[in-house]
Amino acid sequence: MSSVTLPVRCDRAAAEAIWPELVAAVGNEATQIDASGVEHVGQAVLQLLVSARRSGGGAHIQASPALREAARLTGLEAELFEENDL
């Protein structure tokens, strides 16, 4: 299983920086995304996470409270997290 760790600040610049790593990690198996340290997340990173969940083998996201709140506010909880993680 491939894994990617997200930075503390996940803004547009971070999205541009992590995009190649996510593309390389996505394959036939689920990708593990460690977002446990995220304190700020913007729309661009949320879009990347949705894409990672829908691609290849999907992705399992270990989310911080800030990421969970951003997902809740944008209506993306069901899209980003496993049903038993909600």
PDB file of N, CA and C in Angstrom:
ATOM      1  N   MET A   1       0.843  -1.170   0.000  1.00  0.00           N
ATOM      2  CA  MET A   1       0.000   0.000   0.000  1.00  0.00           C
ATOM      3  C   MET A   1       0.894   1.241   0.000  1.00  0.00           C
ATOM      4  N   SER A   2       0.623   2.160  -0.903  1.00  0.00           N
ATOM      5  CA  SER A   2       1.349   3.417  -0.967  1.00  0.00           C
ATOM      6  C   SER A   2       0.816   4.358   0.096  1.00  0.00           C
ATOM      7  N   SER A   3       1.681   5.288   0.529  1.00  0.00           N
ATOM      8  CA  SER A   3       1.201   6.269   1.492  1.00  0.00           C
ATOM      9  C   SER A   3       1.738   7.652   1.164  1.00  0.00           C
ATOM     10  N   VAL A   4       0.945   8.647   1.528  1.00  0.00           N
ATOM     11  CA  VAL A   4       1.279  10.050   1.314  1.00  0.00           C
ATOM     12  C   VAL A   4       0.937  10.776   2.605  1.00  0.00           C
ATOM     13  N   THR A   5       1.840  11.653   3.047  1.00  0.00           N
ATOM     14  CA  THR A   5       1.590  12.462   4.236  1.00  0.00           C
ATOM     15  C   THR A   5       1.359  13.898   3.804  1.00  0.00           C
ATOM     16  N   LEU A   6       0.247  14.468   4.247  1.00  0.00           N
ATOM     17  CA  LEU A   6      -0.082  15.842   3.896  1.00  0.00           C
ATOM     18  C   LEU A   6       0.571  16.807   4.878  1.00  0.00           C
ATOM     19  N   PRO A   7       0.911  18.015   4.405  1.00  0.00           N
ATOM     20  CA  PRO A   7       1.511  19.017   5.286  1.00  0.00           C
ATOM     21  C   PRO A   7       0.474  19.643   6.221  1.00  0.00           C
ATOM     22  N   VAL A   8       0.948  20.418   7.170  1.00  0.00           N
ATOM     23  CA  VAL A   8       0.076  21.095   8.127  1.00  0.00           C
ATOM     24  C   VAL A   8      -0.848  22.072   7.408  1.00  0.00           C
ATOM     25  N   ARG A   9      -0.308  22.823   6.467  1.00  0.00           N
ATOM     26  CA  ARG A   9      -1.098  23.808   5.713  1.00  0.00           C
ATOM     27  C   ARG A   9      -1.325  23.270   4.304  1.00  0.00           C
ATOM     28  N   CYS A  10      -2.551  22.903   4.017  1.00  0.00           N
ATOM     29  CA  CYS A  10      -2.905  22.328   2.719  1.00  0.00           C
ATOM     30  C   CYS A  10      -3.660  23.367   1.890  1.00  0.00           C
ATOM     31  N   ASP A  11      -2.912  24.312   1.355  1.00  0.00           N
ATOM     32  CA  ASP A  11      -3.489  25.347   0.511  1.00  0.00           C
ATOM     33  C   ASP A  11      -3.199  25.024  -0.949  1.00  0.00           C
ATOM     34  N   ARG A  12      -3.427  25.982  -1.831  1.00  0.00           N
ATOM     35  CA  ARG A  12      -3.226  25.738  -3.263  1.00  0.00           C
ATOM     36  C   ARG A  12      -1.772  25.380  -3.588  1.00  0.00           C
ATOM     37  N   ALA A  13      -0.831  26.054  -2.950  1.00  0.00           N
ATOM     38  CA  ALA A  13       0.587  25.758  -3.179  1.00  0.00           C
ATOM     39  C   ALA A  13       0.903  24.320  -2.755  1.00  0.00           C
ATOM     40  N   ALA A  14       0.336  23.897  -1.637  1.00  0.00           N
ATOM     41  CA  ALA A  14       0.543  22.520  -1.178  1.00  0.00           C
ATOM     42  C   ALA A  14      -0.077  21.535  -2.159  1.00  0.00           C
ATOM     43  N   ALA A  15      -1.248  21.872  -2.697  1.00  0.00           N
ATOM     44  CA  ALA A  15      -1.907  20.996  -3.677  1.00  0.00           C
ATOM     45  C   ALA A  15      -1.009  20.790  -4.891  1.00  0.00           C
ATOM     46  N   GLU A  16      -0.396  21.861  -5.369  1.00  0.00           N
ATOM     47  CA  GLU A  16       0.507  21.755  -6.516  1.00  0.00           C
ATOM     48  C   GLU A  16       1.729  20.903  -6.178  1.00  0.00           C
ATOM     49  N   ALA A  17       2.210  21.014  -4.941  1.00  0.00           N
ATOM     50  CA  ALA A  17       3.392  20.256  -4.525  1.00  0.00           C
ATOM     51  C   ALA A  17       3.095  18.770  -4.322  1.00  0.00           C
ATOM     52  N   ILE A  18       1.921  18.441  -3.765  1.00  0.00           N
ATOM     53  CA  ILE A  18       1.627  17.033  -3.468  1.00  0.00           C
ATOM     54  C   ILE A  18       0.963  16.295  -4.620  1.00  0.00           C
ATOM     55  N   TRP A  19       0.477  17.015  -5.612  1.00  0.00           N
ATOM     56  CA  TRP A  19      -0.207  16.368  -6.739  1.00  0.00           C
ATOM     57  C   TRP A  19       0.646  15.276  -7.390  1.00  0.00           C
ATOM     58  N   PRO A  20       1.925  15.538  -7.738  1.00  0.00           N
ATOM     59  CA  PRO A  20       2.715  14.461  -8.368  1.00  0.00           C
ATOM     60  C   PRO A  20       2.880  13.237  -7.465  1.00  0.00           C
ATOM     61  N   GLU A  21       3.024  13.463  -6.167  1.00  0.00           N
ATOM     62  CA  GLU A  21       3.180  12.346  -5.232  1.00  0.00           C
ATOM     63  C   GLU A  21       1.894  11.516  -5.167  1.00  0.00           C
ATOM     64  N   LEU A  22       0.755  12.187  -5.159  1.00  0.00           N
ATOM     65  CA  LEU A  22      -0.525  11.461  -5.146  1.00  0.00           C
ATOM     66  C   LEU A  22      -0.724  10.674  -6.433  1.00  0.00           C
ATOM     67  N   VAL A  23      -0.392  11.277  -7.559  1.00  0.00           N
ATOM     68  CA  VAL A  23      -0.538  10.581  -8.846  1.00  0.00           C
ATOM     69  C   VAL A  23       0.328   9.328  -8.865  1.00  0.00           C
ATOM     70  N   ALA A  24       1.549   9.444  -8.356  1.00  0.00           N
ATOM     71  CA  ALA A  24       2.457   8.299  -8.330  1.00  0.00           C
ATOM     72  C   ALA A  24       1.970   7.215  -7.362  1.00  0.00           C
ATOM     73  N   ALA A  25       1.314   7.628  -6.281  1.00  0.00           N
ATOM     74  CA  ALA A  25       0.874   6.670  -5.261  1.00  0.00           C
ATOM     75  C   ALA A  25      -0.388   5.910  -5.656  1.00  0.00           C
ATOM     76  N   VAL A  26      -1.242   6.532  -6.451  1.00  0.00           N
ATOM     77  CA  VAL A  26      -2.514   5.907  -6.819  1.00  0.00           C
ATOM     78  C   VAL A  26      -2.257   4.756  -7.781  1.00  0.00           C
ATOM     79  N   GLY A  27      -2.779   3.612  -7.428  1.00  0.00           N
ATOM     80  CA  GLY A  27      -2.610   2.426  -8.264  1.00  0.00           C
ATOM     81  C   GLY A  27      -3.803   1.512  -8.086  1.00  0.00           C
ATOM     82  N   ASN A  28      -3.553   0.207  -8.172  1.00  0.00           N
ATOM     83  CA  ASN A  28      -4.625  -0.770  -8.027  1.00  0.00           C
ATOM     84  C   ASN A  28      -4.986  -1.034  -6.574  1.00  0.00           C
ATOM     85  N   GLU A  29      -4.075  -0.673  -5.659  1.00  0.00           N
ATOM     86  CA  GLU A  29      -4.338  -0.838  -4.228  1.00  0.00           C
ATOM     87  C   GLU A  29      -4.730   0.503  -3.641  1.00  0.00           C
ATOM     88  N   ALA A  30      -5.394   0.468  -2.496  1.00  0.00           N
ATOM     89  CA  ALA A  30      -5.762   1.706  -1.815  1.00  0.00           C
ATOM     90  C   ALA A  30      -4.515   2.460  -1.370  1.00  0.00           C
ATOM     91  N   THR A  31      -4.567   3.757  -1.471  1.00  0.00           N
ATOM     92  CA  THR A  31      -3.495   4.620  -1.013  1.00  0.00           C
ATOM     93  C   THR A  31      -3.845   5.104   0.388  1.00  0.00           C
ATOM     94  N   GLN A  32      -2.873   5.077   1.284  1.00  0.00           N
ATOM     95  CA  GLN A  32      -3.056   5.576   2.645  1.00  0.00           C
ATOM     96  C   GLN A  32      -2.638   7.039   2.652  1.00  0.00           C
ATOM     97  N   ILE A  33      -3.542   7.941   3.039  1.00  0.00           N
ATOM     98  CA  ILE A  33      -3.236   9.364   3.108  1.00  0.00           C
ATOM     99  C   ILE A  33      -3.275   9.790   4.563  1.00  0.00           C
ATOM    100  N   ASP A  34      -2.115  10.193   5.075  1.00  0.00           N
ATOM    101  CA  ASP A  34      -2.011  10.639   6.461  1.00  0.00           C
ATOM    102  C   ASP A  34      -2.234  12.144   6.497  1.00  0.00           C
ATOM    103  N   ALA A  35      -3.416  12.523   6.910  1.00  0.00           N
ATOM    104  CA  ALA A  35      -3.771  13.938   7.029  1.00  0.00           C
ATOM    105  C   ALA A  35      -4.013  14.286   8.491  1.00  0.00           C
ATOM    106  N   SER A  36      -3.418  13.523   9.393  1.00  0.00           N
ATOM    107  CA  SER A  36      -3.660  13.700  10.822  1.00  0.00           C
ATOM    108  C   SER A  36      -3.076  14.998  11.363  1.00  0.00           C
ATOM    109  N   GLY A  37      -2.097  15.577  10.655  1.00  0.00           N
ATOM    110  CA  GLY A  37      -1.480  16.817  11.118  1.00  0.00           C
ATOM    111  C   GLY A  37      -2.001  18.065  10.435  1.00  0.00           C
ATOM    112  N   VAL A  38      -2.981  17.924   9.553  1.00  0.00           N
ATOM    113  CA  VAL A  38      -3.503  19.065   8.799  1.00  0.00           C
ATOM    114  C   VAL A  38      -4.244  20.022   9.727  1.00  0.00           C
ATOM    115  N   GLU A  39      -3.860  21.291   9.672  1.00  0.00           N
ATOM    116  CA  GLU A  39      -4.529  22.322  10.469  1.00  0.00           C
ATOM    117  C   GLU A  39      -5.342  23.281   9.602  1.00  0.00           C
ATOM    118  N   HIS A  40      -5.010  23.373   8.330  1.00  0.00           N
ATOM    119  CA  HIS A  40      -5.725  24.239   7.383  1.00  0.00           C
ATOM    120  C   HIS A  40      -5.828  23.495   6.063  1.00  0.00           C
ATOM    121  N   VAL A  41      -7.018  23.477   5.483  1.00  0.00           N
ATOM    122  CA  VAL A  41      -7.188  22.797   4.196  1.00  0.00           C
ATOM    123  C   VAL A  41      -8.043  23.664   3.288  1.00  0.00           C
ATOM    124  N   GLY A  42      -7.584  23.817   2.054  1.00  0.00           N
ATOM    125  CA  GLY A  42      -8.309  24.596   1.066  1.00  0.00           C
ATOM    126  C   GLY A  42      -9.009  23.705   0.050  1.00  0.00           C
ATOM    127  N   GLN A  43      -9.777  24.349  -0.791  1.00  0.00           N
ATOM    128  CA  GLN A  43     -10.588  23.642  -1.785  1.00  0.00           C
ATOM    129  C   GLN A  43      -9.747  22.797  -2.740  1.00  0.00           C
ATOM    130  N   ALA A  44      -8.575  23.299  -3.139  1.00  0.00           N
ATOM    131  CA  ALA A  44      -7.743  22.556  -4.092  1.00  0.00           C
ATOM    132  C   ALA A  44      -7.323  21.200  -3.531  1.00  0.00           C
ATOM    133  N   VAL A  45      -6.972  21.153  -2.260  1.00  0.00           N
ATOM    134  CA  VAL A  45      -6.579  19.880  -1.643  1.00  0.00           C
ATOM    135  C   VAL A  45      -7.796  18.987  -1.454  1.00  0.00           C
ATOM    136  N   LEU A  46      -8.921  19.560  -1.100  1.00  0.00           N
ATOM    137  CA  LEU A  46     -10.144  18.748  -1.009  1.00  0.00           C
ATOM    138  C   LEU A  46     -10.446  18.086  -2.352  1.00  0.00           C
ATOM    139  N   GLN A  47     -10.273  18.823  -3.444  1.00  0.00           N
ATOM    140  CA  GLN A  47     -10.492  18.252  -4.775  1.00  0.00           C
ATOM    141  C   GLN A  47      -9.516  17.119  -5.051  1.00  0.00           C
ATOM    142  N   LEU A  48      -8.253  17.283  -4.660  1.00  0.00           N
ATOM    143  CA  LEU A  48      -7.270  16.210  -4.855  1.00  0.00           C
ATOM    144  C   LEU A  48      -7.660  14.968  -4.056  1.00  0.00           C
ATOM    145  N   LEU A  49      -8.134  15.167  -2.843  1.00  0.00           N
ATOM    146  CA  LEU A  49      -8.520  14.031  -2.012  1.00  0.00           C
ATOM    147  C   LEU A  49      -9.721  13.290  -2.593  1.00  0.00           C
ATOM    148  N   VAL A  50     -10.684  14.024  -3.103  1.00  0.00           N
ATOM    149  CA  VAL A  50     -11.830  13.385  -3.758  1.00  0.00           C
ATOM    150  C   VAL A  50     -11.345  12.574  -4.957  1.00  0.00           C
ATOM    151  N   SER A  51     -10.457  13.153  -5.739  1.00  0.00           N
ATOM    152  CA  SER A  51      -9.913  12.461  -6.907  1.00  0.00           C
ATOM    153  C   SER A  51      -9.167  11.192  -6.494  1.00  0.00           C
ATOM    154  N   ALA A  52      -8.372  11.285  -5.430  1.00  0.00           N
ATOM    155  CA  ALA A  52      -7.622  10.113  -4.952  1.00  0.00           C
ATOM    156  C   ALA A  52      -8.581   9.015  -4.504  1.00  0.00           C
ATOM    157  N   ARG A  53      -9.670   9.383  -3.834  1.00  0.00           N
ATOM    158  CA  ARG A  53     -10.648   8.384  -3.389  1.00  0.00           C
ATOM    159  C   ARG A  53     -11.323   7.689  -4.561  1.00  0.00           C
ATOM    160  N   ARG A  54     -11.506   8.406  -5.660  1.00  0.00           N
ATOM    161  CA  ARG A  54     -12.199   7.849  -6.825  1.00  0.00           C
ATOM    162  C   ARG A  54     -11.271   7.132  -7.791  1.00  0.00           C
ATOM    163  N   SER A  55      -9.978   7.264  -7.621  1.00  0.00           N
ATOM    164  CA  SER A  55      -9.004   6.718  -8.579  1.00  0.00           C
ATOM    165  C   SER A  55      -8.488   5.357  -8.163  1.00  0.00           C
ATOM    166  N   GLY A  56      -8.129   4.562  -9.153  1.00  0.00           N
ATOM    167  CA  GLY A  56      -7.475   3.280  -8.923  1.00  0.00           C
ATOM    168  C   GLY A  56      -8.122   2.476  -7.820  1.00  0.00           C
ATOM    169  N   GLY A  57      -7.324   2.146  -6.817  1.00  0.00           N
ATOM    170  CA  GLY A  57      -7.801   1.363  -5.685  1.00  0.00           C
ATOM    171  C   GLY A  57      -8.426   2.203  -4.597  1.00  0.00           C
ATOM    172  N   GLY A  58      -8.552   3.498  -4.835  1.00  0.00           N
ATOM    173  CA  GLY A  58      -9.143   4.386  -3.844  1.00  0.00           C
ATOM    174  C   GLY A  58      -8.109   4.853  -2.844  1.00  0.00           C
ATOM    175  N   ALA A  59      -8.572   5.458  -1.784  1.00  0.00           N
ATOM    176  CA  ALA A  59      -7.682   5.972  -0.750  1.00  0.00           C
ATOM    177  C   ALA A  59      -8.385   5.926   0.593  1.00  0.00           C
ATOM    178  N   HIS A  60      -7.609   5.663   1.622  1.00  0.00           N
ATOM    179  CA  HIS A  60      -8.097   5.744   2.996  1.00  0.00           C
ATOM    180  C   HIS A  60      -7.412   6.956   3.615  1.00  0.00           C
ATOM    181  N   ILE A  61      -8.200   7.872   4.160  1.00  0.00           N
ATOM    182  CA  ILE A  61      -7.675   9.121   4.692  1.00  0.00           C
ATOM    183  C   ILE A  61      -7.755   9.104   6.213  1.00  0.00           C
ATOM    184  N   GLN A  62      -6.596   9.259   6.843  1.00  0.00           N
ATOM    185  CA  GLN A  62      -6.524   9.422   8.294  1.00  0.00           C
ATOM    186  C   GLN A  62      -6.591  10.925   8.534  1.00  0.00           C
ATOM    187  N   ALA A  63      -7.747  11.418   8.953  1.00  0.00           N
ATOM    188  CA  ALA A  63      -8.018  12.854   8.963  1.00  0.00           C
ATOM    189  C   ALA A  63      -7.839  13.510  10.324  1.00  0.00           C
ATOM    190  N   SER A  64      -7.387  14.758  10.265  1.00  0.00           N
ATOM    191  CA  SER A  64      -7.319  15.604  11.456  1.00  0.00           C
ATOM    192  C   SER A  64      -8.698  16.207  11.710  1.00  0.00           C
ATOM    193  N   PRO A  65      -8.913  16.763  12.891  1.00  0.00           N
ATOM    194  CA  PRO A  65     -10.178  17.451  13.152  1.00  0.00           C
ATOM    195  C   PRO A  65     -10.432  18.593  12.154  1.00  0.00           C
ATOM    196  N   ALA A  66      -9.396  19.313  11.765  1.00  0.00           N
ATOM    197  CA  ALA A  66      -9.561  20.425  10.815  1.00  0.00           C
ATOM    198  C   ALA A  66     -10.030  19.917   9.456  1.00  0.00           C
ATOM    199  N   LEU A  67      -9.485  18.798   9.001  1.00  0.00           N
ATOM    200  CA  LEU A  67      -9.913  18.235   7.720  1.00  0.00           C
ATOM    201  C   LEU A  67     -11.347  17.721   7.816  1.00  0.00           C
ATOM    202  N   ARG A  68     -11.681  17.079   8.900  1.00  0.00           N
ATOM    203  CA  ARG A  68     -13.052  16.592   9.083  1.00  0.00           C
ATOM    204  C   ARG A  68     -14.054  17.757   9.075  1.00  0.00           C
ATOM    205  N   GLU A  69     -13.686  18.856   9.715  1.00  0.00           N
ATOM    206  CA  GLU A  69     -14.574  20.014   9.754  1.00  0.00           C
ATOM    207  C   GLU A  69     -14.722  20.630   8.359  1.00  0.00           C
ATOM    208  N   ALA A  70     -13.632  20.732   7.615  1.00  0.00           N
ATOM    209  CA  ALA A  70     -13.704  21.262   6.247  1.00  0.00           C
ATOM    210  C   ALA A  70     -14.584  20.367   5.380  1.00  0.00           C
ATOM    211  N   ALA A  71     -14.442  19.060   5.547  1.00  0.00           N
ATOM    212  CA  ALA A  71     -15.279  18.120   4.782  1.00  0.00           C
ATOM    213  C   ALA A  71     -16.742  18.276   5.152  1.00  0.00           C
ATOM    214  N   ARG A  72     -17.014  18.464   6.435  1.00  0.00           N
ATOM    215  CA  ARG A  72     -18.394  18.646   6.884  1.00  0.00           C
ATOM    216  C   ARG A  72     -18.984  19.926   6.297  1.00  0.00           C
ATOM    217  N   LEU A  73     -18.217  21.015   6.355  1.00  0.00           N
ATOM    218  CA  LEU A  73     -18.704  22.305   5.869  1.00  0.00           C
ATOM    219  C   LEU A  73     -18.954  22.310   4.361  1.00  0.00           C
ATOM    220  N   THR A  74     -18.198  21.510   3.628  1.00  0.00           N
ATOM    221  CA  THR A  74     -18.338  21.472   2.172  1.00  0.00           C
ATOM    222  C   THR A  74     -19.225  20.328   1.687  1.00  0.00           C
ATOM    223  N   GLY A  75     -19.730  19.532   2.614  1.00  0.00           N
ATOM    224  CA  GLY A  75     -20.599  18.420   2.229  1.00  0.00           C
ATOM    225  C   GLY A  75     -19.851  17.242   1.632  1.00  0.00           C
ATOM    226  N   LEU A  76     -18.570  17.109   1.959  1.00  0.00           N
ATOM    227  CA  LEU A  76     -17.751  16.045   1.368  1.00  0.00           C
ATOM    228  C   LEU A  76     -17.435  14.896   2.324  1.00  0.00           C
ATOM    229  N   GLU A  77     -18.060  14.867   3.485  1.00  0.00           N
ATOM    230  CA  GLU A  77     -17.753  13.805   4.453  1.00  0.00           C
ATOM    231  C   GLU A  77     -17.943  12.413   3.863  1.00  0.00           C
ATOM    232  N   ALA A  78     -19.083  12.168   3.270  1.00  0.00           N
ATOM    233  CA  ALA A  78     -19.367  10.840   2.718  1.00  0.00           C
ATOM    234  C   ALA A  78     -18.432  10.512   1.557  1.00  0.00           C
ATOM    235  N   GLU A  79     -18.003  11.522   0.834  1.00  0.00           N
ATOM    236  CA  GLU A  79     -17.106  11.329  -0.313  1.00  0.00           C
ATOM    237  C   GLU A  79     -15.680  11.013   0.134  1.00  0.00           C
ATOM    238  N   LEU A  80     -15.250  11.602   1.250  1.00  0.00           N
ATOM    239  CA  LEU A  80     -13.849  11.487   1.668  1.00  0.00           C
ATOM    240  C   LEU A  80     -13.562  10.392   2.684  1.00  0.00           C
ATOM    241  N   PHE A  81     -14.552  10.022   3.478  1.00  0.00           N
ATOM    242  CA  PHE A  81     -14.271   9.105   4.575  1.00  0.00           C
ATOM    243  C   PHE A  81     -15.102   7.837   4.483  1.00  0.00           C
ATOM    244  N   GLU A  82     -14.537   6.777   5.016  1.00  0.00           N
ATOM    245  CA  GLU A  82     -15.244   5.505   5.066  1.00  0.00           C
ATOM    246  C   GLU A  82     -16.459   5.667   5.976  1.00  0.00           C
ATOM    247  N   GLU A  83     -17.485   4.931   5.711  1.00  0.00           N
ATOM    248  CA  GLU A  83     -18.724   5.035   6.499  1.00  0.00           C
ATOM    249  C   GLU A  83     -18.481   4.814   7.980  1.00  0.00           C
ATOM    250  N   ASN A  84     -17.595   3.878   8.318  1.00  0.00           N
ATOM    251  CA  ASN A  84     -17.335   3.593   9.733  1.00  0.00           C
ATOM    252  C   ASN A  84     -16.389   4.612  10.371  1.00  0.00           C
ATOM    253  N   ASP A  85     -15.827   5.538   9.577  1.00  0.00           N
ATOM    254  CA  ASP A  85     -14.961   6.597  10.107  1.00  0.00           C
ATOM    255  C   ASP A  85     -15.750   7.852  10.471  1.00  0.00           C
ATOM    256  N   LEU A  86     -17.017   7.924  10.034  1.00  0.00           N
ATOM    257  CA  LEU A  86     -17.809   9.139  10.272  1.00  0.00           C
ATOM    258  C   LEU A  86     -18.331   9.213  11.676  1.00  0.00           C
TER     259      LEU A  86
END
